[in-house]
């Protein structure tokens, strides 16, 4: 591959990461404004055209009235209020279509021009598969809220969010991999890389639990910090049977685990930052680790305020967006540590 080809591919991957980040923000607004179930069908092609005339809006509204969310939650809402929630779900779906176009059109061009070597072709096909899976998972998630209980399944929401983070992370990694800048060997890099990988694993679990907190509206209970009211360990943690189900379906347990994992990540970030100064690492490596620590601190504080103020839309969206930024920084730090460790002979 020529340097120009790598440059174009790198821009393609970065555009994918940027669009996934933007759709995460739109998705957060969609969820927090209760807009996710306003479009009750899935038309990948014709669904690109929204209602235009008043008659079409009335038809869409009448269709919405046939489903549990209107009947149990929004009964009596006006057409204007329906247009508001429809707008955000429509924007979310259109952003998904835009990502598809931004991926498929350049992918076709790269194939025709034979710009992809075997490695990049496999990576592109992986992203294509994940993108298709994400679209299907999005509709599968919405379907769970259109029957009986007007709330999407937290399990499906967690899968949907996890796929978004996976696609984002891969785009960032693939883009960084196309940079040809050499790194100076650092003997301390292998140790830091191991800690960063541990951090990433725990962060990934934390993202899943964040989805469960959101899906179960668990951020609207125990709105105190650092204790959950007067408790460090609330009494409702293990009320459900069988015991394991509390880990995913008990909203008190889910919020408690989310708090504990956040604290664990904070402690690891502090440890890595201190350790980076004791090892033979470069200024760049120290700045990567410091960036992880700073991002964790900001994310932690944002999470606390989101909880205390009962999840206002803007704070909830900011908390979710900062999670993806932190995820991207950790990916970048691991990639940097991988390269410096490789040049050190590891």
Protein backbone atom coordinates (compact mmCIF):
# COMPACT_ATOMS: atom_id res chain seq x y z
CA UNK A 1 0.00 0.00 0.00
CA UNK A 2 1.23 3.47 -0.86
CA UNK A 3 1.43 6.26 1.76
CA UNK A 4 -1.50 7.95 -0.02
CA UNK A 5 -3.61 4.80 0.22
CA UNK A 6 -2.85 4.57 3.94
CA UNK A 7 -3.78 8.21 4.37
CA UNK A 8 -7.15 7.67 2.69
CA UNK A 9 -7.85 4.54 4.70
CA UNK A 10 -6.91 6.29 7.91
CA UNK A 11 -9.32 9.12 7.12
CA UNK A 12 -12.01 6.53 6.39
CA UNK A 13 -11.54 4.81 9.75
CA UNK A 14 -11.48 8.13 11.61
CA UNK A 15 -14.70 9.21 9.87
CA UNK A 16 -16.30 5.97 11.05
CA UNK A 17 -15.20 6.57 14.64
CA UNK A 18 -16.45 10.17 14.53
CA UNK A 19 -19.87 9.20 13.17
CA UNK A 20 -20.27 6.42 15.74
CA UNK A 21 -19.49 8.98 18.46
CA UNK A 22 -22.11 11.38 17.03
CA UNK A 23 -24.77 8.68 16.80
CA UNK A 24 -24.01 7.77 20.41
CA UNK A 25 -24.91 11.33 21.41
CA UNK A 26 -28.10 11.28 19.33
CA UNK A 27 -28.96 7.86 20.74
CA UNK A 28 -28.49 9.15 24.27
CA UNK A 29 -30.84 12.06 23.63
CA UNK A 30 -33.32 9.66 22.02
CA UNK A 31 -33.30 7.38 25.06
CA UNK A 32 -33.40 10.11 27.71
CA UNK A 33 -36.26 11.99 26.04
CA UNK A 34 -38.30 8.79 25.78
CA UNK A 35 -38.26 8.93 21.99
CA UNK A 36 -36.96 5.47 21.12
CA UNK A 37 -40.34 3.78 20.62
CA UNK A 38 -42.01 6.56 18.61
CA UNK A 39 -41.33 4.84 15.25
CA UNK A 40 -43.12 1.51 15.44
CA UNK A 41 -41.91 -0.05 12.19
CA UNK A 42 -38.61 -0.56 10.45
CA UNK A 43 -38.25 0.33 6.78
CA UNK A 44 -34.56 0.55 5.91
CA UNK A 45 -35.25 2.25 2.55
CA UNK A 46 -38.68 3.91 2.66
CA UNK A 47 -38.16 4.83 6.32
CA UNK A 48 -35.80 7.55 5.15
CA UNK A 49 -38.80 9.66 4.19
CA UNK A 50 -40.54 11.15 7.26
CA UNK A 51 -44.22 12.20 7.40
CA UNK A 52 -44.62 15.45 5.50
CA UNK A 53 -48.32 16.33 5.24
CA UNK A 54 -50.63 16.71 8.21
CA UNK A 55 -52.47 13.58 7.09
CA UNK A 56 -49.26 11.55 7.15
CA UNK A 57 -48.46 12.84 10.63
CA UNK A 58 -51.92 11.87 11.84
CA UNK A 59 -51.47 8.38 10.38
CA UNK A 60 -48.08 7.96 12.10
CA UNK A 61 -49.58 9.21 15.37
CA UNK A 62 -52.55 6.84 15.07
CA UNK A 63 -50.14 3.96 14.52
CA UNK A 64 -48.17 4.98 17.63
CA UNK A 65 -51.41 5.00 19.66
CA UNK A 66 -51.81 1.27 19.03
CA UNK A 67 -48.73 0.41 21.10
CA UNK A 68 -48.17 0.13 24.87
CA UNK A 69 -46.03 3.25 25.29
CA UNK A 70 -48.89 5.54 24.27
CA UNK A 71 -51.51 3.50 26.09
CA UNK A 72 -49.58 3.18 29.37
CA UNK A 73 -47.25 6.19 29.47
CA UNK A 74 -48.15 8.91 26.97
CA UNK A 75 -51.92 8.68 26.73
CA UNK A 76 -53.34 12.08 25.89
CA UNK A 77 -50.14 13.50 24.40
CA UNK A 78 -50.59 16.05 21.61
CA UNK A 79 -49.53 15.69 18.01
CA UNK A 80 -46.85 18.33 18.63
CA UNK A 81 -45.41 16.28 21.49
CA UNK A 82 -45.42 13.20 19.28
CA UNK A 83 -43.54 15.10 16.56
CA UNK A 84 -40.82 15.93 19.11
CA UNK A 85 -40.14 12.32 20.12
CA UNK A 86 -40.51 11.16 16.51
CA UNK A 87 -37.85 13.69 15.47
CA UNK A 88 -35.16 12.23 17.75
CA UNK A 89 -35.81 8.61 16.80
CA UNK A 90 -35.88 9.62 13.13
CA UNK A 91 -32.55 11.44 13.54
CA UNK A 92 -31.08 8.39 15.26
CA UNK A 93 -32.10 6.12 12.39
CA UNK A 94 -30.93 8.56 9.73
CA UNK A 95 -27.54 8.83 11.45
CA UNK A 96 -27.32 5.05 11.26
CA UNK A 97 -28.06 5.15 7.54
CA UNK A 98 -25.43 7.87 7.08
CA UNK A 99 -22.82 5.68 8.75
CA UNK A 100 -23.78 2.88 6.38
CA UNK A 101 -23.32 5.11 3.34
CA UNK A 102 -20.02 6.55 4.61
CA UNK A 103 -18.76 3.01 5.02
CA UNK A 104 -20.14 1.27 1.94
CA UNK A 105 -19.41 3.92 -0.72
CA UNK A 106 -15.67 4.33 0.08
CA UNK A 107 -15.42 0.56 0.64
CA UNK A 108 -16.70 -0.04 -2.89
CA UNK A 109 -14.28 2.53 -4.26
CA UNK A 110 -11.33 0.94 -2.42
CA UNK A 111 -12.31 -2.47 -3.80
CA UNK A 112 -12.66 -1.27 -7.39
CA UNK A 113 -9.35 0.60 -7.22
CA UNK A 114 -7.68 -2.35 -5.46
CA UNK A 115 -6.52 -0.18 -2.59
CA UNK A 116 -7.06 -2.82 0.11
CA UNK A 117 -4.45 -5.43 0.90
CA UNK A 118 -5.48 -8.71 2.54
CA UNK A 119 -5.20 -7.34 6.08
CA UNK A 120 -7.24 -4.20 5.41
CA UNK A 121 -9.86 -6.16 3.48
CA UNK A 122 -10.40 -8.46 6.47
CA UNK A 123 -10.67 -5.45 8.76
CA UNK A 124 -13.15 -3.73 6.47
CA UNK A 125 -15.29 -6.87 6.23
CA UNK A 126 -15.24 -7.17 10.03
CA UNK A 127 -16.53 -3.61 10.36
CA UNK A 128 -19.14 -4.28 7.70
CA UNK A 129 -20.38 -7.34 9.59
CA UNK A 130 -20.50 -5.46 12.89
CA UNK A 131 -22.34 -2.55 11.24
CA UNK A 132 -25.02 -4.83 9.82
CA UNK A 133 -25.33 -6.58 13.18
CA UNK A 134 -25.72 -3.21 14.88
CA UNK A 135 -28.58 -2.20 12.60
CA UNK A 136 -30.38 -5.49 13.21
CA UNK A 137 -29.74 -5.27 16.95
CA UNK A 138 -31.17 -1.75 17.02
CA UNK A 139 -34.49 -2.92 15.59
CA UNK A 140 -34.43 -6.07 17.76
CA UNK A 141 -34.03 -3.77 20.77
CA UNK A 142 -36.92 -1.50 19.74
CA UNK A 143 -39.19 -4.50 19.20
CA UNK A 144 -38.79 -5.49 22.85
CA UNK A 145 -40.52 -2.27 23.89
CA UNK A 146 -43.48 -2.60 21.52
CA UNK A 147 -45.16 -5.46 23.39
CA UNK A 148 -46.68 -5.49 26.88
CA UNK A 149 -44.15 -3.35 28.79
CA UNK A 150 -43.19 -0.07 27.02
CA UNK A 151 -39.49 -0.30 27.79
CA UNK A 152 -36.70 -1.82 25.74
CA UNK A 153 -34.94 -4.86 27.15
CA UNK A 154 -31.85 -3.83 29.17
CA UNK A 155 -30.10 -6.91 27.76
CA UNK A 156 -30.71 -5.77 24.19
CA UNK A 157 -29.78 -2.19 25.07
CA UNK A 158 -26.50 -3.46 26.54
CA UNK A 159 -25.81 -5.46 23.37
CA UNK A 160 -26.64 -2.43 21.18
CA UNK A 161 -24.35 -0.13 23.16
CA UNK A 162 -21.55 -2.71 23.33
CA UNK A 163 -21.58 -3.10 19.56
CA UNK A 164 -21.30 0.69 19.17
CA UNK A 165 -18.25 0.76 21.45
CA UNK A 166 -16.71 -2.21 19.63
CA UNK A 167 -17.10 -0.54 16.22
CA UNK A 168 -15.74 2.75 17.59
CA UNK A 169 -12.77 1.05 19.24
CA UNK A 170 -11.87 -0.94 16.14
CA UNK A 171 -12.06 2.16 13.93
CA UNK A 172 -9.69 3.99 16.28
CA UNK A 173 -7.28 1.05 16.46
CA UNK A 174 -7.26 0.49 12.69
CA UNK A 175 -6.65 4.21 12.07
CA UNK A 176 -3.76 4.32 14.55
CA UNK A 177 -2.29 1.18 13.01
CA UNK A 178 -1.86 2.98 9.70
CA UNK A 179 0.46 5.59 11.17
CA UNK A 180 4.05 4.84 10.21
CA UNK A 181 5.76 6.98 12.85
CA UNK A 182 8.36 4.95 14.73
CA UNK A 183 8.42 4.81 18.53
CA UNK A 184 11.44 4.79 20.79
CA UNK A 185 11.90 1.56 22.76
CA UNK A 186 10.75 1.74 26.39
CA UNK A 187 11.49 -1.04 28.87
CA UNK A 188 8.50 -0.13 31.02
CA UNK A 189 5.99 -0.30 28.19
CA UNK A 190 5.12 -4.03 28.51
CA UNK A 191 4.08 -3.62 32.16
CA UNK A 192 1.95 -0.57 31.42
CA UNK A 193 0.38 -2.35 28.47
CA UNK A 194 -0.78 -5.18 30.76
CA UNK A 195 -2.35 -2.70 33.17
CA UNK A 196 -4.01 -0.84 30.32
CA UNK A 197 -5.50 -4.06 28.97
CA UNK A 198 -6.87 -4.86 32.43
CA UNK A 199 -8.30 -1.36 32.57
CA UNK A 200 -9.93 -1.81 29.16
CA UNK A 201 -11.55 -5.12 30.19
CA UNK A 202 -13.02 -3.58 33.35
CA UNK A 203 -14.08 -0.49 31.41
CA UNK A 204 -15.90 -2.68 28.89
CA UNK A 205 -17.79 -4.39 31.72
CA UNK A 206 -18.55 -0.95 33.14
CA UNK A 207 -20.04 0.15 29.80
CA UNK A 208 -22.33 -2.89 29.88
CA UNK A 209 -23.44 -2.03 33.40
CA UNK A 210 -23.98 1.57 32.33
CA UNK A 211 -26.42 0.24 29.74
CA UNK A 212 -28.22 -1.79 32.43
CA UNK A 213 -28.42 1.28 34.67
CA UNK A 214 -29.91 3.24 31.76
CA UNK A 215 -32.25 0.47 30.63
CA UNK A 216 -33.64 -0.10 34.13
CA UNK A 217 -33.72 3.64 35.01
CA UNK A 218 -31.56 2.73 37.99
CA UNK A 219 -30.09 6.23 38.07
CA UNK A 220 -33.36 7.50 39.57
CA UNK A 221 -32.93 5.65 42.87
CA UNK A 222 -30.43 6.13 45.71
CA UNK A 223 -29.50 9.58 44.43
CA UNK A 224 -26.83 10.23 47.06
CA UNK A 225 -23.06 9.87 47.05
CA UNK A 226 -20.76 8.35 48.24
CA UNK A 227 -23.25 6.33 50.30
CA UNK A 228 -26.53 5.00 48.95
CA UNK A 229 -28.56 7.00 51.48
CA UNK A 230 -27.10 5.78 54.81
CA UNK A 231 -25.75 2.53 53.37
CA UNK A 232 -22.39 1.56 51.93
CA UNK A 233 -23.98 -1.80 51.08
CA UNK A 234 -27.75 -1.37 50.58
CA UNK A 235 -30.00 -4.12 52.02
CA UNK A 236 -31.79 -4.82 48.72
CA UNK A 237 -28.70 -6.14 46.90
CA UNK A 238 -29.62 -9.83 46.94
CA UNK A 239 -33.41 -9.89 47.24
CA UNK A 240 -34.15 -11.68 43.97
CA UNK A 241 -34.04 -15.43 43.38
CA UNK A 242 -32.03 -17.05 41.94
CA UNK A 243 -29.15 -15.07 43.42
CA UNK A 244 -27.31 -14.45 40.13
CA UNK A 245 -30.25 -12.64 38.58
CA UNK A 246 -29.64 -9.71 40.94
CA UNK A 247 -26.50 -8.90 38.94
CA UNK A 248 -28.62 -7.94 35.91
CA UNK A 249 -32.23 -7.39 36.99
CA UNK A 250 -32.06 -5.83 40.45
CA UNK A 251 -31.77 -2.09 39.85
CA UNK A 252 -30.16 -1.49 43.26
CA UNK A 253 -27.48 -4.13 42.60
CA UNK A 254 -26.86 -2.83 39.09
CA UNK A 255 -26.33 0.74 40.32
CA UNK A 256 -24.11 -0.47 43.20
CA UNK A 257 -21.90 -2.50 40.84
CA UNK A 258 -21.67 0.50 38.49
CA UNK A 259 -20.39 2.60 41.40
CA UNK A 260 -17.89 -0.06 42.52
CA UNK A 261 -16.48 -0.56 39.01
CA UNK A 262 -16.08 3.20 38.57
CA UNK A 263 -14.06 3.36 41.79
CA UNK A 264 -11.93 0.37 40.74
CA UNK A 265 -11.17 2.08 37.43
CA UNK A 266 -10.21 5.26 39.28
CA UNK A 267 -7.81 3.39 41.56
CA UNK A 268 -6.19 1.57 38.62
CA UNK A 269 -5.82 4.86 36.71
CA UNK A 270 -4.06 6.47 39.69
CA UNK A 271 -1.80 3.44 40.04
CA UNK A 272 -0.86 3.47 36.35
CA UNK A 273 -0.11 7.20 36.48
CA UNK A 274 2.20 6.79 39.47
CA UNK A 275 3.80 3.70 37.95
CA UNK A 276 4.51 5.50 34.68
CA UNK A 277 6.86 7.83 36.57
CA UNK A 278 8.69 4.94 38.25
CA UNK A 279 9.27 3.06 35.03
CA UNK A 280 11.58 4.10 32.20
CA UNK A 281 8.88 5.68 30.07
CA UNK A 282 8.95 8.65 27.72
CA UNK A 283 7.12 11.93 28.16
CA UNK A 284 4.63 10.81 25.49
CA UNK A 285 3.83 7.61 27.40
CA UNK A 286 3.38 9.57 30.63
CA UNK A 287 0.98 11.91 28.83
CA UNK A 288 -1.07 8.98 27.51
CA UNK A 289 -1.41 7.55 31.00
CA UNK A 290 -2.15 11.00 32.42
CA UNK A 291 -4.87 11.40 29.79
CA UNK A 292 -6.46 8.14 30.94
CA UNK A 293 -6.36 9.32 34.55
CA UNK A 294 -7.80 12.75 33.69
CA UNK A 295 -10.58 11.25 31.57
CA UNK A 296 -11.49 8.82 34.37
CA UNK A 297 -11.62 11.65 36.89
CA UNK A 298 -13.87 13.81 34.70
CA UNK A 299 -16.10 10.84 33.89
CA UNK A 300 -16.34 9.87 37.57
CA UNK A 301 -17.39 13.37 38.61
CA UNK A 302 -19.88 13.60 35.75
CA UNK A 303 -21.39 10.29 36.83
CA UNK A 304 -21.75 11.52 40.42
CA UNK A 305 -23.51 14.71 39.34
CA UNK A 306 -25.72 12.78 36.90
CA UNK A 307 -26.86 10.59 39.80
CA UNK A 308 -27.32 13.40 42.33
CA UNK A 309 -29.42 15.49 39.93
CA UNK A 310 -31.62 12.54 38.88
CA UNK A 311 -30.25 12.13 35.34
CA UNK A 312 -31.03 15.36 33.49
CA UNK A 313 -30.86 14.84 29.74
CA UNK A 314 -27.76 16.95 29.13
CA UNK A 315 -25.77 15.33 31.95
CA UNK A 316 -26.87 11.82 30.98
CA UNK A 317 -25.77 12.40 27.39
CA UNK A 318 -22.49 13.99 28.50
CA UNK A 319 -21.77 11.02 30.79
CA UNK A 320 -22.33 8.58 27.93
CA UNK A 321 -20.24 10.62 25.48
CA UNK A 322 -17.35 10.91 27.95
CA UNK A 323 -17.42 7.12 28.37
CA UNK A 324 -16.71 6.70 24.66
CA UNK A 325 -14.00 9.37 24.76
CA UNK A 326 -12.36 7.53 27.67
CA UNK A 327 -12.66 4.27 25.73
CA UNK A 328 -10.91 5.87 22.73
CA UNK A 329 -8.11 7.28 24.91
CA UNK A 330 -7.47 3.87 26.45
CA UNK A 331 -7.36 2.29 22.97
CA UNK A 332 -4.82 4.94 21.95
CA UNK A 333 -2.72 4.38 25.08
CA UNK A 334 -2.67 0.60 24.52
CA UNK A 335 -1.68 1.07 20.88
CA UNK A 336 1.13 3.42 21.89
CA UNK A 337 2.34 0.98 24.56
CA UNK A 338 2.18 -1.88 22.06
CA UNK A 339 4.45 -0.05 19.61
CA UNK A 340 6.98 1.03 22.21
CA UNK A 341 7.02 -2.47 23.68
CA UNK A 342 7.54 -3.95 20.21
CA UNK A 343 10.57 -1.77 19.62
CA UNK A 344 11.87 -2.80 23.02
CA UNK A 345 11.89 -6.39 21.80
CA UNK A 346 8.67 -7.53 23.50
